[in-house]
């Protein structure tokens, strides 16, 4: 089954929904921990994104909790899974 690629803005929207924030309130380099993200919520996000066809490792995401860092991981993973 083919899934639409995850986008930075899609990730921002998913994070915002989980934190009950407006997506415009989540900056690319904001600490997601400072915005209220905890490990359980982070795992829920990774599960959601994994269900969309991505193979993700929590350890990578736990190193630095910002949208920019997470997007870089997802972008690399999507390119690798697409064979690029």
Protein backbone atom coordinates (compact mmCIF):
# COMPACT_ATOMS: atom_id res chain seq x y z
CA UNK A 1 0.00 0.00 0.00
CA UNK A 2 1.38 3.39 -0.99
CA UNK A 3 1.33 6.29 1.45
CA UNK A 4 1.62 9.98 0.72
CA UNK A 5 4.98 11.30 1.90
CA UNK A 6 5.03 13.02 5.24
CA UNK A 7 5.75 16.75 5.00
CA UNK A 8 7.26 19.20 7.47
CA UNK A 9 3.91 21.00 7.68
CA UNK A 10 2.09 17.71 8.16
CA UNK A 11 4.43 16.89 11.03
CA UNK A 12 3.88 20.36 12.50
CA UNK A 13 0.10 19.84 12.31
CA UNK A 14 0.33 16.41 13.97
CA UNK A 15 2.51 17.79 16.78
CA UNK A 16 0.20 20.78 17.25
CA UNK A 17 -2.88 18.55 17.41
CA UNK A 18 -1.26 16.34 20.04
CA UNK A 19 -0.19 19.35 22.13
CA UNK A 20 -3.48 21.23 21.62
CA UNK A 21 -1.59 24.13 20.05
CA UNK A 22 -2.00 26.12 16.87
CA UNK A 23 0.52 24.92 14.27
CA UNK A 24 1.73 28.51 13.83
CA UNK A 25 2.88 28.43 17.47
CA UNK A 26 5.39 25.65 16.77
CA UNK A 27 8.61 27.04 15.34
CA UNK A 28 11.07 24.93 13.41
CA UNK A 29 13.71 25.16 16.17
CA UNK A 30 11.44 25.35 19.23
CA UNK A 31 12.08 22.75 21.91
CA UNK A 32 9.14 20.38 21.71
CA UNK A 33 9.74 19.51 25.36
CA UNK A 34 9.26 23.17 26.31
CA UNK A 35 5.98 23.08 24.36
CA UNK A 36 4.78 20.13 26.45
CA UNK A 37 5.90 17.06 24.51
CA UNK A 38 6.79 14.11 26.71
CA UNK A 39 8.09 10.66 25.81
CA UNK A 40 4.62 9.09 25.62
CA UNK A 41 3.39 11.75 23.22
CA UNK A 42 6.56 11.42 21.16
CA UNK A 43 5.97 7.66 20.91
CA UNK A 44 2.39 8.32 19.80
CA UNK A 45 3.65 10.58 17.03
CA UNK A 46 6.20 8.01 15.87
CA UNK A 47 3.51 5.33 15.87
CA UNK A 48 1.24 7.57 13.79
CA UNK A 49 4.02 8.27 11.29
CA UNK A 50 5.03 4.60 11.21
CA UNK A 51 1.45 3.70 10.33
CA UNK A 52 1.89 5.96 7.31
CA UNK A 53 4.66 3.71 6.06
CA UNK A 54 7.83 5.09 7.65
CA UNK A 55 10.31 2.95 9.54
CA UNK A 56 11.31 5.16 12.47
CA UNK A 57 13.59 4.69 15.49
CA UNK A 58 12.66 6.45 18.74
CA UNK A 59 16.33 6.75 19.68
CA UNK A 60 17.03 9.03 16.73
CA UNK A 61 14.11 11.28 17.59
CA UNK A 62 14.97 11.47 21.29
CA UNK A 63 18.38 13.04 20.67
CA UNK A 64 17.07 16.50 19.81
CA UNK A 65 13.41 17.38 20.05
CA UNK A 66 12.81 20.09 17.46
CA UNK A 67 10.73 20.02 14.30
CA UNK A 68 13.80 20.79 12.16
CA UNK A 69 15.73 17.85 13.57
CA UNK A 70 12.78 15.50 13.26
CA UNK A 71 12.09 16.66 9.70
CA UNK A 72 15.72 15.97 8.71
CA UNK A 73 15.37 12.40 10.03
CA UNK A 74 12.05 11.83 8.26
CA UNK A 75 13.27 13.34 5.01
CA UNK A 76 16.36 11.06 5.00
CA UNK A 77 14.23 8.03 5.83
CA UNK A 78 11.68 8.80 3.10
CA UNK A 79 14.44 9.21 0.51
CA UNK A 80 16.08 5.95 1.61
CA UNK A 81 12.79 4.05 1.51
CA UNK A 82 12.05 5.47 -1.95
CA UNK A 83 15.43 4.21 -3.14
CA UNK A 84 16.98 7.64 -3.44
